[in-house]
Amino acid sequence: MKKFLALLLTLSMLLALSACGGTKSDDDNAKGDETKTDAPAETATDFKVGFIMLHDENSTYDLNFINAAKEACEKLGVEYKIITNVPEGQECYDKAAELADDGCNIIFADSFGHEDYMIQAAKEFPNVQFCHSTGTKAHTEGLSNYHNAFASIYEGRYLAGVAAGMKLNDMIANGYITEDQAKMGYVGAFTYAEVISGYTSFYLGAKSVCPSVTMDVTFTGSWYDETAEKEGANKLIANGCVLISQHADSMGAPTACETAGVPNVSYNGSTQAACPNTFIVSSRIDWAPYYEYAITAAMNGEAIDADWTGTLATGSVVLTDVNTTAAAEGTQEAIDAVKAELENGTRHVFDCSTFTVKGETLTSSKADVDTDPNYTPDTEALADGYFAQSTFRPAPSFDLQIDGINLLDTNFGGSSRLDPKQPDCLRQSGFPFPRFRFSRIFSRQACTLNLQAAGCML
C-alpha cells in the first residue's frame, strides 16, 4: 500500500511539473508552443505567465511581441509559455482557459480579434489576470482582472516620417527629384483607425521637414501577405512614389524597395540585413515595459491599470538605429530634436494647424471611446488645438482623411468589427460599411470596397 501511495505521489508531481512550466509535447511543438522553465532559484517559481500570439516568428508583428515576452519574463525570472498561431475565434478562449487551468497567473494576448474571448476567459477565471494588447473594452467591461494596453506608436511613426522627409529633401537637393515629385507611398493592411492614424502621423512627420510632400496609400486586405505587400509597393513605385513605408507585417514591401532601389521606412524592426541599400529606419512598439509592469503588479497583488498607454518616456515607442548608408546626413540629429519636443509637450503629432480636412482646419472631432454596439462617436477628441489620441483610451481613434494623402483604393476586410465613421456618400447610399477596426486575419479573405460603385465622387 505504501509503495502504491508513493507511486501515486510521484505521478502527481510529474503531472504538476508538466503543466504551465513543463516540457513541450509533440502537439505543442506542432502548434509552436514554447515553455521556459529555468527561472532563477531566488524568485517565486510558482508564478507562471501565459502568452497567446496570432501568428509565429515569421510575422514581424508577432515576433515583436514574442521577443518582448521572453525579455520581460527572463528579466523577472518567471516561468512562461507562449502559444502561437491562435486564430481570432473560439480557439483563443480555449487556449486562455488551457493556460489558466495549467496554473498561469497572468495571461496576455496580442491581437485585436482576441478581445471578446479574453473577456470570456476573464469572467470564468476571476483569480487570473488577463491583459489584451490593442483592445478597447476594458474600461467599459469593469472587470478587475481584465486590462487593455497600447502605445503612442503614432509618435514613433511621426519620427520615422521626419527621417523620410529628410531623405526627400536630400533627393531634391541632389537633383534626383524636384519638389513636386516628392511623393511617398504607403502599403497599409486595412482602412481603419490604427492604420489611418499610422500613415497620417508618418506623413505629417515628413511634411514637417519637406512641405511639398504628398503620399499615395494602397491596402492589401491582410495583415500578413508577402505577395500582396510586394505588389502594393511595386504599384506605388510605378505610380511615381520615390519612398515607401508600410503598416503590414511581412518583408514584401522592403524587399520590393531593395530590388527597385527605392528608399524604405519599415515597421516593427530593422530590415537592414535584407535591405542594406534602401532601409532608412523603423519604428516599433516595445512591449517589454508593459509586460514587466503588469507581471510585477500581479506578482505583488497590486492592481493593473484597466487602460495602459506606453510612450516615448516609458521606452515603449522606439526607433531602430538609422542606416547611414541610405539616410540623409543629419537624420539622427533631426529625430532627436523632434523627439525632445514630443516628450516635453511643445509639439503634438496631430496639431490641427499642420493639416486640413477638405481644405478646412479641424475645429471639432468626436471619437468612439466608450464602445457600444453601434460604435457611436461619444467623446470630443480635440484639446488645445490638437487631436488628443491615446488620451481617453490607449487604442487609436484618429480616422480622418487629411489633405495631401491620396487613397488609391480602400479595404475594410470581412471581420465583424466595424469602423466608427463612414463617408457620407456611403451612409446615404445605404452601402454596407465596416466600422471601427478589424481582426488581424492571416488570409486574404477580405472584400475590397469600390467607393465609386457606392456613389462616391472620386
Protein backbone atom coordinates (compact mmCIF):
# COMPACT_ATOMS: atom_id res chain seq x y z
CA MET A 1 0.00 0.00 0.00
CA LYS A 2 2.84 2.40 0.88
CA LYS A 3 4.52 1.64 -2.45
CA PHE A 4 1.27 2.36 -4.27
CA LEU A 5 0.87 5.69 -2.47
CA ALA A 6 4.47 6.61 -3.21
CA LEU A 7 3.96 5.79 -6.89
CA LEU A 8 0.75 7.82 -6.94
CA LEU A 9 2.52 10.79 -5.34
CA THR A 10 5.34 10.57 -7.88
CA LEU A 11 2.89 10.55 -10.79
CA SER A 12 1.06 13.54 -9.33
CA MET A 13 4.30 15.51 -9.06
CA LEU A 14 5.21 14.70 -12.64
CA LEU A 15 1.81 15.83 -13.86
CA ALA A 16 2.15 19.09 -11.94
CA LEU A 17 5.56 19.77 -13.44
CA SER A 18 4.21 19.17 -16.94
CA ALA A 19 1.62 21.94 -16.61
CA CYS A 20 2.48 25.55 -17.47
CA GLY A 21 6.12 25.05 -16.58
CA GLY A 22 6.65 21.64 -18.15
CA THR A 23 8.29 20.42 -21.29
CA LYS A 24 6.76 20.62 -24.73
CA SER A 25 4.68 17.79 -26.08
CA ASP A 26 4.77 16.83 -29.74
CA ASP A 27 1.40 18.53 -30.14
CA ASP A 28 2.75 21.70 -28.52
CA ASN A 29 5.71 21.73 -30.89
CA ALA A 30 3.40 21.38 -33.86
CA LYS A 31 1.44 24.43 -32.69
CA GLY A 32 4.57 26.42 -31.94
CA ASP A 33 4.13 26.50 -28.14
CA GLU A 34 7.19 27.49 -26.14
CA THR A 35 7.72 26.88 -22.45
CA LYS A 36 10.56 28.33 -20.36
CA THR A 37 11.26 26.65 -17.04
CA ASP A 38 14.70 27.78 -15.88
CA ALA A 39 13.58 30.62 -13.58
CA PRO A 40 16.26 31.74 -11.08
CA ALA A 41 16.10 29.95 -7.74
CA GLU A 42 15.62 33.17 -5.77
CA THR A 43 12.32 34.03 -7.49
CA ALA A 44 8.82 32.71 -6.91
CA THR A 45 8.99 29.95 -9.49
CA ASP A 46 5.35 29.00 -8.92
CA PHE A 47 4.33 32.22 -10.66
CA LYS A 48 3.56 31.48 -14.30
CA VAL A 49 2.83 33.67 -17.31
CA GLY A 50 0.97 32.71 -20.48
CA PHE A 51 1.05 34.39 -23.90
CA ILE A 52 -1.32 33.96 -26.85
CA MET A 53 0.01 35.05 -30.26
CA LEU A 54 -1.93 35.31 -33.51
CA HIS A 55 0.97 34.16 -35.69
CA ASP A 56 4.53 33.00 -35.09
CA GLU A 57 8.04 34.37 -35.62
CA ASN A 58 7.51 34.67 -39.38
CA SER A 59 5.26 37.67 -38.74
CA THR A 60 7.20 40.81 -37.78
CA TYR A 61 4.19 41.88 -35.69
CA ASP A 62 4.11 38.72 -33.59
CA LEU A 63 7.90 38.39 -33.45
CA ASN A 64 7.98 41.82 -31.80
CA PHE A 65 5.61 40.55 -29.09
CA ILE A 66 7.44 37.23 -28.72
CA ASN A 67 10.79 38.93 -28.19
CA ALA A 68 9.27 41.29 -25.59
CA ALA A 69 7.62 38.38 -23.75
CA LYS A 70 10.89 36.49 -23.49
CA GLU A 71 12.81 39.60 -22.42
CA ALA A 72 10.36 40.55 -19.68
CA CYS A 73 9.91 37.06 -18.25
CA GLU A 74 13.60 36.26 -18.24
CA LYS A 75 14.37 39.60 -16.60
CA LEU A 76 11.80 38.92 -13.87
CA GLY A 77 12.77 35.27 -13.55
CA VAL A 78 9.30 33.82 -14.09
CA GLU A 79 8.19 30.76 -15.98
CA TYR A 80 6.28 31.39 -19.18
CA LYS A 81 4.50 29.65 -22.02
CA ILE A 82 3.96 31.14 -25.47
CA ILE A 83 1.27 29.69 -27.72
CA THR A 84 1.49 30.84 -31.34
CA ASN A 85 -0.85 30.67 -34.35
CA VAL A 86 -4.03 31.17 -32.31
CA PRO A 87 -6.89 32.42 -34.54
CA GLU A 88 -9.23 35.23 -33.53
CA GLY A 89 -12.08 32.94 -32.60
CA GLN A 90 -13.14 30.40 -30.01
CA GLU A 91 -9.64 28.92 -30.19
CA CYS A 92 -8.41 31.97 -28.28
CA TYR A 93 -10.78 31.27 -25.39
CA ASP A 94 -9.79 27.60 -25.44
CA LYS A 95 -6.08 28.47 -25.20
CA ALA A 96 -6.70 31.08 -22.50
CA ALA A 97 -8.66 28.54 -20.44
CA GLU A 98 -5.94 25.96 -21.02
CA LEU A 99 -3.28 28.36 -19.74
CA ALA A 100 -5.42 29.22 -16.70
CA ASP A 101 -6.00 25.55 -15.94
CA ASP A 102 -2.25 25.00 -16.27
CA GLY A 103 -1.69 27.43 -13.42
CA CYS A 104 -0.75 30.63 -15.24
CA ASN A 105 -1.35 33.64 -13.01
CA ILE A 106 -1.47 36.22 -15.80
CA ILE A 107 -2.24 35.74 -19.50
CA PHE A 108 -1.60 38.10 -22.43
CA ALA A 109 -2.98 38.15 -25.98
CA ASP A 110 -1.57 40.19 -28.86
CA SER A 111 -4.30 40.78 -31.44
CA PHE A 112 -7.47 42.86 -31.53
CA GLY A 113 -9.77 39.99 -32.53
CA HIS A 114 -8.80 38.05 -29.42
CA GLU A 115 -10.56 40.54 -27.13
CA ASP A 116 -14.04 39.05 -26.73
CA TYR A 117 -12.56 35.63 -26.00
CA MET A 118 -10.13 37.03 -23.45
CA ILE A 119 -13.07 38.76 -21.73
CA GLN A 120 -14.95 35.45 -21.72
CA ALA A 121 -11.98 33.76 -20.05
CA ALA A 122 -11.56 36.61 -17.56
CA LYS A 123 -15.14 36.15 -16.40
CA GLU A 124 -14.65 32.43 -15.96
CA PHE A 125 -11.29 32.70 -14.16
CA PRO A 126 -11.64 35.70 -11.80
CA ASN A 127 -8.40 34.89 -9.95
CA VAL A 128 -6.30 35.10 -13.13
CA GLN A 129 -5.28 38.41 -14.70
CA PHE A 130 -5.96 38.83 -18.44
CA CYS A 131 -4.18 41.53 -20.44
CA HIS A 132 -5.03 42.32 -24.05
CA SER A 133 -2.97 44.44 -26.41
CA THR A 134 -4.75 46.80 -28.87
CA GLY A 135 -8.21 46.27 -27.32
CA THR A 136 -10.87 48.80 -26.36
CA LYS A 137 -13.33 47.31 -23.86
CA ALA A 138 -11.54 47.09 -20.50
CA HIS A 139 -12.76 50.43 -19.15
CA THR A 140 -16.38 49.66 -20.04
CA GLU A 141 -16.37 45.96 -19.01
CA GLY A 142 -15.37 46.93 -15.47
CA LEU A 143 -13.64 43.64 -14.67
CA SER A 144 -10.88 43.90 -12.09
CA ASN A 145 -8.92 41.16 -13.87
CA TYR A 146 -9.20 42.37 -17.48
CA HIS A 147 -6.94 45.07 -18.95
CA ASN A 148 -6.11 46.79 -22.28
CA ALA A 149 -2.79 48.21 -23.41
CA PHE A 150 -1.42 50.09 -26.40
CA ALA A 151 1.35 52.61 -27.05
CA SER A 152 1.62 56.00 -28.72
CA ILE A 153 3.24 54.45 -31.78
CA TYR A 154 1.96 57.36 -33.86
CA GLU A 155 4.79 59.34 -32.25
CA GLY A 156 7.28 56.76 -33.48
CA ARG A 157 5.80 56.86 -36.97
CA TYR A 158 5.99 60.66 -36.90
CA LEU A 159 9.70 60.46 -36.07
CA ALA A 160 10.19 57.92 -38.85
CA GLY A 161 8.38 60.39 -41.12
CA VAL A 162 10.92 63.06 -40.17
CA ALA A 163 13.63 60.68 -41.42
CA ALA A 164 11.65 60.19 -44.63
CA GLY A 165 11.27 63.95 -45.11
CA MET A 166 15.00 64.41 -44.62
CA LYS A 167 15.62 61.85 -47.34
CA LEU A 168 13.22 63.60 -49.71
CA ASN A 169 14.99 66.92 -49.10
CA ASP A 170 18.31 65.21 -49.82
CA MET A 171 16.95 63.80 -53.08
CA ILE A 172 15.67 67.24 -54.08
CA ALA A 173 18.98 68.94 -53.20
CA ASN A 174 20.93 66.42 -55.24
CA GLY A 175 18.68 66.80 -58.29
CA TYR A 176 17.22 63.28 -58.20
CA ILE A 177 13.68 64.66 -57.93
CA THR A 178 12.01 68.06 -57.99
CA GLU A 179 9.91 69.42 -55.12
CA ASP A 180 6.67 68.48 -56.85
CA GLN A 181 7.94 64.91 -57.31
CA ALA A 182 8.33 64.38 -53.56
CA LYS A 183 5.64 61.71 -53.40
CA MET A 184 5.77 58.88 -50.89
CA GLY A 185 3.88 55.59 -50.99
CA TYR A 186 2.38 53.61 -48.12
CA VAL A 187 1.31 49.96 -48.03
CA GLY A 188 -1.44 49.52 -45.42
CA ALA A 189 -3.41 46.48 -44.34
CA PHE A 190 -6.92 47.83 -43.73
CA THR A 191 -8.64 51.21 -43.92
CA TYR A 192 -9.40 51.92 -40.29
CA ALA A 193 -8.22 53.96 -37.31
CA GLU A 194 -5.00 52.18 -36.38
CA VAL A 195 -3.69 52.21 -39.95
CA ILE A 196 -5.11 55.65 -40.78
CA SER A 197 -3.55 57.25 -37.72
CA GLY A 198 -0.29 55.48 -38.53
CA TYR A 199 0.06 56.63 -42.12
CA THR A 200 -1.19 60.11 -41.24
CA SER A 201 1.38 60.57 -38.49
CA PHE A 202 4.13 59.30 -40.83
CA TYR A 203 3.02 61.77 -43.49
CA LEU A 204 2.85 64.69 -41.03
CA GLY A 205 6.36 63.89 -39.80
CA ALA A 206 7.67 64.00 -43.37
CA LYS A 207 5.71 67.18 -44.13
CA SER A 208 7.20 68.92 -41.10
CA VAL A 209 10.59 68.96 -42.87
CA CYS A 210 9.53 68.63 -46.55
CA PRO A 211 6.44 70.85 -47.06
CA SER A 212 5.82 69.79 -50.68
CA VAL A 213 5.41 66.08 -49.88
CA THR A 214 2.31 64.12 -50.89
CA MET A 215 1.51 60.46 -50.34
CA ASP A 216 -0.38 57.65 -52.07
CA VAL A 217 -1.77 54.77 -49.99
CA THR A 218 -2.81 51.27 -51.06
CA PHE A 219 -4.29 48.49 -48.93
CA THR A 220 -3.74 44.73 -49.08
CA GLY A 221 -6.73 43.48 -47.08
CA SER A 222 -4.46 41.36 -44.89
CA TRP A 223 -2.02 41.82 -42.04
CA TYR A 224 0.38 39.30 -43.49
CA ASP A 225 0.52 38.68 -47.23
CA GLU A 226 4.02 38.98 -48.61
CA THR A 227 2.89 38.77 -52.23
CA ALA A 228 0.21 41.43 -51.84
CA GLU A 229 2.55 43.74 -49.92
CA LYS A 230 5.25 43.40 -52.57
CA GLU A 231 2.69 44.02 -55.32
CA GLY A 232 1.41 47.06 -53.44
CA ALA A 233 4.91 48.53 -53.13
CA ASN A 234 5.64 47.90 -56.79
CA LYS A 235 2.35 49.57 -57.77
CA LEU A 236 3.25 52.64 -55.74
CA ILE A 237 6.73 52.79 -57.25
CA ALA A 238 5.28 52.51 -60.74
CA ASN A 239 2.95 55.41 -59.88
CA GLY A 240 5.90 57.67 -59.15
CA CYS A 241 6.39 57.19 -55.41
CA VAL A 242 10.06 57.77 -54.55
CA LEU A 243 9.98 56.48 -50.94
CA ILE A 244 7.86 53.69 -49.43
CA SER A 245 6.66 52.85 -45.93
CA GLN A 246 4.19 50.30 -44.61
CA HIS A 247 1.77 49.08 -41.97
CA ALA A 248 1.74 45.36 -42.72
CA ASP A 249 3.72 42.50 -41.28
CA SER A 250 5.88 40.88 -43.96
CA MET A 251 9.10 41.67 -45.80
CA GLY A 252 7.18 42.16 -49.06
CA ALA A 253 7.42 45.94 -49.30
CA PRO A 254 11.01 46.30 -48.03
CA THR A 255 12.37 43.69 -50.46
CA ALA A 256 10.46 45.27 -53.34
CA CYS A 257 12.14 48.57 -52.46
CA GLU A 258 15.59 46.99 -52.28
CA THR A 259 15.10 45.42 -55.69
CA ALA A 260 13.93 48.72 -57.19
CA GLY A 261 16.50 50.85 -55.36
CA VAL A 262 13.78 52.93 -53.66
CA PRO A 263 14.30 54.19 -50.07
CA ASN A 264 12.17 52.44 -47.46
CA VAL A 265 10.99 53.12 -43.92
CA SER A 266 9.88 49.79 -42.44
CA TYR A 267 7.92 48.86 -39.31
CA ASN A 268 8.32 46.58 -36.29
CA GLY A 269 12.07 46.19 -36.65
CA SER A 270 15.12 46.73 -38.78
CA THR A 271 15.22 45.28 -42.28
CA GLN A 272 18.77 46.48 -42.84
CA ALA A 273 20.23 42.96 -43.08
CA ALA A 274 17.99 42.13 -46.06
CA CYS A 275 17.81 45.67 -47.46
CA PRO A 276 21.18 47.31 -46.75
CA ASN A 277 20.96 49.89 -49.53
CA THR A 278 17.41 51.19 -49.05
CA PHE A 279 16.40 50.74 -45.39
CA ILE A 280 16.41 54.08 -43.53
CA VAL A 281 14.82 53.48 -40.11
CA SER A 282 11.93 51.65 -38.46
CA SER A 283 9.61 52.38 -35.55
CA ARG A 284 8.04 49.77 -33.31
CA ILE A 285 6.27 49.25 -30.00
CA ASP A 286 8.46 47.67 -27.36
CA TRP A 287 6.02 45.63 -25.28
CA ALA A 288 8.61 44.62 -22.66
CA PRO A 289 7.91 47.63 -20.37
CA TYR A 290 4.20 46.79 -20.25
CA TYR A 291 4.82 43.11 -19.69
CA GLU A 292 7.24 43.89 -16.86
CA TYR A 293 4.77 46.35 -15.29
CA ALA A 294 1.75 44.02 -15.46
CA ILE A 295 3.60 40.87 -14.37
CA THR A 296 5.24 42.67 -11.44
CA ALA A 297 1.89 44.09 -10.33
CA ALA A 298 0.28 40.65 -10.49
CA MET A 299 3.16 39.08 -8.55
CA ASN A 300 2.76 41.72 -5.83
CA GLY A 301 -1.02 41.51 -5.73
CA GLU A 302 -1.32 45.11 -6.97
CA ALA A 303 -3.98 46.49 -9.29
CA ILE A 304 -3.18 46.69 -13.02
CA ASP A 305 -4.47 49.71 -14.95
CA ALA A 306 -7.59 48.95 -16.98
CA ASP A 307 -6.13 51.12 -19.78
CA TRP A 308 -2.35 51.49 -20.11
CA THR A 309 -0.60 53.61 -22.73
CA GLY A 310 3.11 53.24 -23.36
CA THR A 311 5.00 56.31 -24.57
CA LEU A 312 8.41 57.52 -25.66
CA ALA A 313 9.12 58.25 -22.00
CA THR A 314 8.28 54.71 -20.85
CA GLY A 315 10.53 53.23 -23.53
CA SER A 316 7.53 51.67 -25.25
CA VAL A 317 7.90 53.60 -28.52
CA VAL A 318 11.30 53.07 -30.07
CA LEU A 319 13.19 53.52 -33.32
CA THR A 320 15.95 51.37 -34.73
CA ASP A 321 19.36 52.79 -35.45
CA VAL A 322 19.40 54.97 -38.56
CA ASN A 323 21.06 53.29 -41.55
CA THR A 324 23.57 55.94 -42.59
CA THR A 325 24.06 54.22 -45.94
CA ALA A 326 20.54 55.14 -47.03
CA ALA A 327 19.54 58.03 -44.74
CA ALA A 328 20.25 61.70 -45.35
CA GLU A 329 23.03 63.37 -43.42
CA GLY A 330 21.78 64.84 -40.14
CA THR A 331 18.82 62.45 -39.85
CA GLN A 332 19.59 61.21 -36.33
CA GLU A 333 20.07 64.77 -35.07
CA ALA A 334 16.71 65.79 -36.59
CA ILE A 335 14.96 62.83 -35.00
CA ASP A 336 16.49 63.58 -31.59
CA ALA A 337 15.40 67.22 -31.72
CA VAL A 338 11.79 66.39 -32.63
CA LYS A 339 11.65 63.57 -30.08
CA ALA A 340 12.61 66.03 -27.34
CA GLU A 341 9.75 68.33 -28.38
CA LEU A 342 7.24 65.46 -28.38
CA GLU A 343 8.38 64.42 -24.92
CA ASN A 344 8.21 67.89 -23.40
CA GLY A 345 4.82 68.66 -24.97
CA THR A 346 5.89 71.54 -27.22
CA ARG A 347 4.99 69.52 -30.32
CA HIS A 348 1.94 67.34 -30.98
CA VAL A 349 1.65 64.85 -33.83
CA PHE A 350 -1.93 65.75 -34.77
CA ASP A 351 -1.60 69.52 -34.34
CA CYS A 352 -4.60 70.88 -36.25
CA SER A 353 -2.57 73.84 -37.54
CA THR A 354 -0.41 71.44 -39.58
CA PHE A 355 -3.13 69.83 -41.71
CA THR A 356 -6.55 70.41 -43.25
CA VAL A 357 -9.53 68.19 -44.00
CA LYS A 358 -11.25 69.10 -47.28
CA GLY A 359 -9.46 72.44 -47.20
CA GLU A 360 -10.69 73.31 -43.71
CA THR A 361 -8.89 73.47 -40.39
CA LEU A 362 -10.30 70.94 -37.94
CA THR A 363 -12.19 72.53 -35.05
CA SER A 364 -14.06 69.52 -33.65
CA SER A 365 -13.91 65.74 -33.96
CA LYS A 366 -15.63 63.12 -31.87
CA ALA A 367 -14.19 59.66 -31.29
CA ASP A 368 -15.81 56.41 -30.19
CA VAL A 369 -14.18 55.92 -26.79
CA ASP A 370 -16.87 54.16 -24.73
CA THR A 371 -17.52 51.37 -27.21
CA ASP A 372 -21.19 50.50 -27.66
CA PRO A 373 -22.89 48.09 -30.10
CA ASN A 374 -23.26 50.88 -32.69
CA TYR A 375 -19.73 52.28 -32.13
CA THR A 376 -21.19 55.75 -31.68
CA PRO A 377 -18.67 58.64 -31.50
CA ASP A 378 -19.12 59.93 -27.95
CA THR A 379 -16.07 61.95 -26.90
CA GLU A 380 -14.64 65.23 -28.20
CA ALA A 381 -11.08 64.31 -29.24
CA LEU A 382 -9.68 67.81 -29.83
CA ALA A 383 -7.91 69.53 -26.95
CA ASP A 384 -5.77 72.67 -27.04
CA GLY A 385 -5.68 72.67 -30.83
CA TYR A 386 -4.66 69.07 -31.46
CA PHE A 387 -6.29 65.65 -31.79
CA ALA A 388 -5.51 64.06 -28.42
CA GLN A 389 -5.01 60.45 -29.44
CA SER A 390 -4.34 57.96 -26.60
CA THR A 391 -5.66 60.44 -24.01
CA PHE A 392 -9.07 58.86 -23.49
CA ARG A 393 -8.09 55.25 -24.15
CA PRO A 394 -4.93 53.53 -25.43
CA ALA A 395 -6.28 52.26 -28.77
CA PRO A 396 -6.03 54.60 -31.80
CA SER A 397 -9.05 56.70 -32.71
CA PHE A 398 -7.77 59.14 -35.37
CA ASP A 399 -9.55 58.13 -38.59
CA LEU A 400 -9.72 61.39 -40.57
CA GLN A 401 -8.64 61.63 -44.20
CA ILE A 402 -6.45 64.72 -44.39
CA ASP A 403 -5.43 66.69 -47.48
CA GLY A 404 -2.19 65.64 -49.17
CA ILE A 405 -2.86 61.92 -48.78
CA ASN A 406 -4.44 60.09 -51.72
CA LEU A 407 -6.06 56.67 -51.24
CA LEU A 408 -5.61 54.56 -54.39
CA ASP A 409 -8.11 52.05 -53.01
CA THR A 410 -9.74 51.03 -49.74
CA ASN A 411 -10.05 47.70 -47.96
CA PHE A 412 -12.15 47.10 -44.87
CA GLY A 413 -11.82 43.33 -44.61
CA GLY A 414 -14.51 40.84 -43.78
CA SER A 415 -14.49 40.76 -39.98
CA SER A 416 -17.40 41.69 -37.73
CA ARG A 417 -15.65 44.77 -36.29
CA LEU A 418 -16.75 47.98 -37.96
CA ASP A 419 -15.30 51.46 -38.49
CA PRO A 420 -16.90 54.27 -36.47
CA LYS A 421 -17.26 56.82 -39.25
CA GLN A 422 -18.37 56.06 -42.74
CA PRO A 423 -18.16 58.60 -45.58
CA ASP A 424 -21.40 60.48 -46.16
CA CYS A 425 -21.78 59.06 -49.67
CA LEU A 426 -21.74 55.50 -48.27
CA ARG A 427 -24.07 56.35 -45.40
CA GLN A 428 -26.57 57.96 -47.75
CA SER A 429 -26.41 55.11 -50.26
CA GLY A 430 -27.01 52.50 -47.58
CA PHE A 431 -23.85 50.72 -48.74
CA PRO A 432 -22.59 48.35 -46.01
CA PHE A 433 -19.50 49.87 -44.46
CA PRO A 434 -17.36 48.23 -41.80
CA ARG A 435 -16.88 50.19 -38.60
CA PHE A 436 -14.03 50.69 -36.10
CA ARG A 437 -11.41 48.03 -36.70
CA PHE A 438 -10.90 44.50 -37.88
CA SER A 439 -9.14 41.48 -36.61
CA ARG A 440 -5.69 40.56 -37.85
CA ILE A 441 -6.71 37.93 -40.37
CA PHE A 442 -3.87 35.96 -41.87
CA SER A 443 -5.50 35.07 -45.17
CA ARG A 444 -6.57 37.41 -47.97
CA GLN A 445 -10.25 36.64 -47.41
CA ALA A 446 -11.14 40.31 -47.37
CA CYS A 447 -13.54 42.23 -49.52
CA THR A 448 -12.29 45.40 -51.20
CA LEU A 449 -15.00 48.04 -51.41
CA ASN A 450 -15.30 50.16 -54.53
CA LEU A 451 -16.31 53.62 -53.35
CA GLN A 452 -17.28 54.71 -56.84
CA ALA A 453 -19.77 51.88 -57.06
CA ALA A 454 -21.33 53.21 -53.88
CA GLY A 455 -21.89 56.61 -55.46
CA CYS A 456 -18.79 58.45 -54.25
CA MET A 457 -17.17 61.04 -56.48
CA LEU A 458 -13.51 60.04 -56.62
